[in-house]
Amino acid sequence: MDKRTDLSLDYSTFTAGPDGAPWERQNQWVLGSAFFLSDTVKLFGEGVLVEGYTPLNFISGGNLLPGETHSESDAESVGAILGVNVAF
């Protein structure tokens, strides 16, 4: 194929609290691919895996009782993103 294809892999980690805390961490893996149909049209897709659930707006409080959280260090989320970029 004479069309440009880009691949990407990204990992990030966010340590939000002490070992064993429900908001201890959140890790994210992203695998992406982009296929350029032309200089101005790109098709892309990403697969995302998030390990841990740490909602930043409630780590230090919010509308929950003191000591309560809906964070979950053992949670896993998987998603897919598909799209098109067109410039003109």
N, C-alpha and C. Protein backbone atom coordinates (compact mmCIF):
# COMPACT_ATOMS: atom_id res chain seq x y z
N MET A 1 0.84 -1.18 0.00
CA MET A 1 0.00 0.00 0.00
C MET A 1 0.89 1.24 0.00
N ASP A 2 0.49 2.22 -0.74
CA ASP A 2 1.29 3.43 -0.83
C ASP A 2 0.75 4.54 0.10
N LYS A 3 -0.18 4.21 0.98
CA LYS A 3 -0.74 5.18 1.92
C LYS A 3 0.00 5.09 3.25
N ARG A 4 0.17 6.24 3.89
CA ARG A 4 0.87 6.29 5.17
C ARG A 4 -0.01 5.72 6.28
N THR A 5 0.60 4.90 7.14
CA THR A 5 -0.07 4.35 8.31
C THR A 5 0.82 4.58 9.52
N ASP A 6 0.24 5.13 10.59
CA ASP A 6 0.97 5.36 11.84
C ASP A 6 0.41 4.47 12.92
N LEU A 7 1.29 3.93 13.76
CA LEU A 7 0.89 3.14 14.91
C LEU A 7 1.43 3.81 16.17
N SER A 8 0.71 3.69 17.27
CA SER A 8 1.18 4.28 18.51
C SER A 8 0.80 3.39 19.69
N LEU A 9 1.61 3.45 20.73
CA LEU A 9 1.35 2.77 21.99
C LEU A 9 1.72 3.72 23.10
N ASP A 10 0.82 3.91 24.05
CA ASP A 10 1.06 4.85 25.13
C ASP A 10 0.68 4.20 26.46
N TYR A 11 1.48 4.47 27.48
CA TYR A 11 1.19 4.01 28.84
C TYR A 11 1.36 5.20 29.77
N SER A 12 0.42 5.36 30.68
CA SER A 12 0.57 6.39 31.70
C SER A 12 0.07 5.83 33.03
N THR A 13 0.63 6.33 34.11
CA THR A 13 0.20 5.92 35.43
C THR A 13 0.02 7.15 36.30
N PHE A 14 -0.99 7.10 37.13
CA PHE A 14 -1.30 8.20 38.03
C PHE A 14 -1.39 7.63 39.43
N THR A 15 -0.45 7.98 40.28
CA THR A 15 -0.46 7.56 41.67
C THR A 15 -1.17 8.63 42.48
N ALA A 16 -2.32 8.29 43.03
CA ALA A 16 -3.15 9.29 43.69
C ALA A 16 -3.19 9.13 45.21
N GLY A 17 -2.74 7.98 45.74
CA GLY A 17 -2.84 7.78 47.18
C GLY A 17 -1.92 6.69 47.66
N PRO A 18 -1.98 6.40 48.93
CA PRO A 18 -1.10 5.39 49.53
C PRO A 18 -1.48 3.97 49.11
N ASP A 19 -0.55 3.03 49.26
CA ASP A 19 -0.82 1.62 48.96
C ASP A 19 -2.06 1.16 49.70
N GLY A 20 -2.94 0.48 48.98
CA GLY A 20 -4.14 -0.08 49.58
C GLY A 20 -5.35 0.85 49.60
N ALA A 21 -5.15 2.14 49.32
CA ALA A 21 -6.28 3.07 49.28
C ALA A 21 -7.13 2.79 48.04
N PRO A 22 -8.45 2.99 48.11
CA PRO A 22 -9.29 2.78 46.93
C PRO A 22 -8.89 3.70 45.77
N TRP A 23 -8.29 4.84 46.06
CA TRP A 23 -7.86 5.80 45.04
C TRP A 23 -6.36 5.74 44.83
N GLU A 24 -5.76 4.59 45.12
CA GLU A 24 -4.30 4.42 45.05
C GLU A 24 -3.71 4.81 43.70
N ARG A 25 -4.31 4.32 42.62
CA ARG A 25 -3.69 4.53 41.31
C ARG A 25 -4.70 4.38 40.18
N GLN A 26 -4.26 4.85 39.02
CA GLN A 26 -5.00 4.63 37.78
C GLN A 26 -3.97 4.54 36.66
N ASN A 27 -3.95 3.41 35.98
CA ASN A 27 -3.03 3.19 34.85
C ASN A 27 -3.84 3.19 33.56
N GLN A 28 -3.21 3.66 32.49
CA GLN A 28 -3.91 3.69 31.21
C GLN A 28 -2.98 3.23 30.09
N TRP A 29 -3.49 2.32 29.28
CA TRP A 29 -2.82 1.85 28.06
C TRP A 29 -3.66 2.27 26.86
N VAL A 30 -3.01 2.77 25.82
CA VAL A 30 -3.71 3.14 24.59
C VAL A 30 -2.92 2.62 23.40
N LEU A 31 -3.58 1.85 22.54
CA LEU A 31 -3.00 1.37 21.29
C LEU A 31 -3.75 2.05 20.16
N GLY A 32 -3.03 2.74 19.30
CA GLY A 32 -3.69 3.51 18.25
C GLY A 32 -3.15 3.21 16.86
N SER A 33 -3.97 3.49 15.87
CA SER A 33 -3.59 3.34 14.48
C SER A 33 -4.26 4.45 13.67
N ALA A 34 -3.52 5.00 12.72
CA ALA A 34 -4.06 6.03 11.83
C ALA A 34 -3.69 5.68 10.40
N PHE A 35 -4.66 5.80 9.51
CA PHE A 35 -4.45 5.50 8.09
C PHE A 35 -4.83 6.75 7.30
N PHE A 36 -3.89 7.25 6.52
CA PHE A 36 -4.10 8.49 5.77
C PHE A 36 -4.57 8.16 4.36
N LEU A 37 -5.84 8.45 4.10
CA LEU A 37 -6.37 8.24 2.76
C LEU A 37 -5.78 9.25 1.78
N SER A 38 -5.51 10.46 2.28
CA SER A 38 -4.87 11.52 1.50
C SER A 38 -4.18 12.45 2.50
N ASP A 39 -3.61 13.54 2.02
CA ASP A 39 -2.97 14.50 2.92
C ASP A 39 -3.97 15.16 3.87
N THR A 40 -5.25 15.14 3.53
CA THR A 40 -6.25 15.84 4.33
C THR A 40 -7.32 14.95 4.94
N VAL A 41 -7.21 13.64 4.75
CA VAL A 41 -8.20 12.71 5.30
C VAL A 41 -7.50 11.58 6.04
N LYS A 42 -7.83 11.45 7.33
CA LYS A 42 -7.20 10.42 8.16
C LYS A 42 -8.30 9.61 8.87
N LEU A 43 -8.21 8.29 8.78
CA LEU A 43 -9.05 7.38 9.55
C LEU A 43 -8.23 6.92 10.75
N PHE A 44 -8.84 6.85 11.93
CA PHE A 44 -8.05 6.44 13.08
C PHE A 44 -8.89 5.58 14.03
N GLY A 45 -8.19 4.82 14.84
CA GLY A 45 -8.83 4.01 15.86
C GLY A 45 -7.90 3.86 17.05
N GLU A 46 -8.50 3.73 18.22
CA GLU A 46 -7.73 3.52 19.44
C GLU A 46 -8.44 2.49 20.31
N GLY A 47 -7.65 1.66 20.94
CA GLY A 47 -8.14 0.77 21.98
C GLY A 47 -7.58 1.25 23.30
N VAL A 48 -8.43 1.32 24.33
CA VAL A 48 -8.02 1.89 25.61
C VAL A 48 -8.33 0.90 26.73
N LEU A 49 -7.35 0.70 27.62
CA LEU A 49 -7.53 -0.09 28.83
C LEU A 49 -7.15 0.79 30.01
N VAL A 50 -8.07 0.96 30.95
CA VAL A 50 -7.81 1.75 32.15
C VAL A 50 -7.92 0.81 33.35
N GLU A 51 -6.85 0.76 34.14
CA GLU A 51 -6.81 -0.08 35.34
C GLU A 51 -6.91 0.83 36.57
N GLY A 52 -7.95 0.64 37.36
CA GLY A 52 -8.20 1.49 38.52
C GLY A 52 -9.17 2.59 38.14
N TYR A 53 -9.91 3.07 39.12
CA TYR A 53 -10.88 4.14 38.89
C TYR A 53 -10.68 5.20 39.96
N THR A 54 -10.21 6.37 39.55
CA THR A 54 -9.92 7.46 40.47
C THR A 54 -10.54 8.74 39.93
N PRO A 55 -11.77 9.06 40.33
CA PRO A 55 -12.39 10.30 39.86
C PRO A 55 -11.75 11.49 40.58
N LEU A 56 -11.03 12.29 39.86
CA LEU A 56 -10.24 13.37 40.47
C LEU A 56 -11.10 14.35 41.27
N ASN A 57 -12.31 14.58 40.86
CA ASN A 57 -13.11 15.60 41.54
C ASN A 57 -13.59 15.17 42.92
N PHE A 58 -13.42 13.89 43.31
CA PHE A 58 -13.88 13.47 44.63
C PHE A 58 -12.77 12.94 45.52
N ILE A 59 -11.50 12.99 45.11
CA ILE A 59 -10.42 12.47 45.94
C ILE A 59 -10.34 13.22 47.27
N SER A 60 -10.47 14.54 47.23
CA SER A 60 -10.31 15.34 48.45
C SER A 60 -11.65 15.77 49.04
N GLY A 61 -12.72 15.17 48.63
CA GLY A 61 -14.01 15.52 49.19
C GLY A 61 -15.05 15.63 48.11
N GLY A 62 -16.06 16.39 48.37
CA GLY A 62 -17.14 16.53 47.40
C GLY A 62 -18.46 16.31 48.09
N ASN A 63 -19.37 15.64 47.44
CA ASN A 63 -20.68 15.44 48.02
C ASN A 63 -20.86 14.07 48.66
N LEU A 64 -19.76 13.43 49.08
CA LEU A 64 -19.81 12.16 49.79
C LEU A 64 -19.50 12.40 51.26
N LEU A 65 -19.91 11.48 52.11
CA LEU A 65 -19.60 11.59 53.53
C LEU A 65 -18.10 11.46 53.76
N PRO A 66 -17.56 12.03 54.83
CA PRO A 66 -16.12 11.90 55.12
C PRO A 66 -15.70 10.44 55.18
N GLY A 67 -14.60 10.12 54.52
CA GLY A 67 -14.08 8.76 54.49
C GLY A 67 -14.70 7.86 53.44
N GLU A 68 -15.71 8.33 52.71
CA GLU A 68 -16.33 7.54 51.65
C GLU A 68 -15.80 7.95 50.29
N THR A 69 -15.75 7.01 49.36
CA THR A 69 -15.31 7.28 48.00
C THR A 69 -15.96 6.30 47.05
N HIS A 70 -16.09 6.66 45.81
CA HIS A 70 -16.52 5.67 44.82
C HIS A 70 -15.35 5.29 43.93
N SER A 71 -14.11 5.55 44.39
CA SER A 71 -12.91 5.08 43.73
C SER A 71 -12.81 3.56 43.89
N GLU A 72 -12.11 2.91 42.95
CA GLU A 72 -11.96 1.46 43.01
C GLU A 72 -10.64 1.09 42.35
N SER A 73 -9.66 0.67 43.16
CA SER A 73 -8.33 0.37 42.62
C SER A 73 -8.31 -0.89 41.75
N ASP A 74 -9.28 -1.80 41.92
CA ASP A 74 -9.32 -3.03 41.13
C ASP A 74 -10.18 -2.94 39.88
N ALA A 75 -10.77 -1.79 39.61
CA ALA A 75 -11.65 -1.64 38.44
C ALA A 75 -10.85 -1.69 37.14
N GLU A 76 -11.47 -2.17 36.09
CA GLU A 76 -10.90 -2.13 34.74
C GLU A 76 -11.96 -1.66 33.76
N SER A 77 -11.55 -0.78 32.87
CA SER A 77 -12.44 -0.28 31.82
C SER A 77 -11.76 -0.47 30.48
N VAL A 78 -12.53 -0.90 29.49
CA VAL A 78 -12.01 -1.11 28.14
C VAL A 78 -12.90 -0.32 27.18
N GLY A 79 -12.27 0.36 26.23
CA GLY A 79 -13.04 1.13 25.26
C GLY A 79 -12.38 1.17 23.90
N ALA A 80 -13.15 1.56 22.92
CA ALA A 80 -12.65 1.72 21.55
C ALA A 80 -13.13 3.06 21.02
N ILE A 81 -12.26 3.71 20.29
CA ILE A 81 -12.56 5.01 19.69
C ILE A 81 -12.24 4.90 18.20
N LEU A 82 -13.19 5.26 17.37
CA LEU A 82 -13.01 5.29 15.93
C LEU A 82 -13.36 6.68 15.42
N GLY A 83 -12.65 7.15 14.42
CA GLY A 83 -12.98 8.47 13.93
C GLY A 83 -12.33 8.80 12.59
N VAL A 84 -12.67 9.99 12.11
CA VAL A 84 -12.14 10.51 10.85
C VAL A 84 -11.77 11.96 11.08
N ASN A 85 -10.59 12.34 10.62
CA ASN A 85 -10.17 13.75 10.58
C ASN A 85 -10.15 14.18 9.12
N VAL A 86 -10.83 15.28 8.83
CA VAL A 86 -10.85 15.84 7.48
C VAL A 86 -10.51 17.31 7.57
N ALA A 87 -9.56 17.74 6.79
CA ALA A 87 -9.19 19.15 6.73
C ALA A 87 -9.44 19.67 5.32
N PHE A 88 -9.93 20.89 5.25
CA PHE A 88 -10.17 21.51 3.94
C PHE A 88 -10.03 22.99 4.04
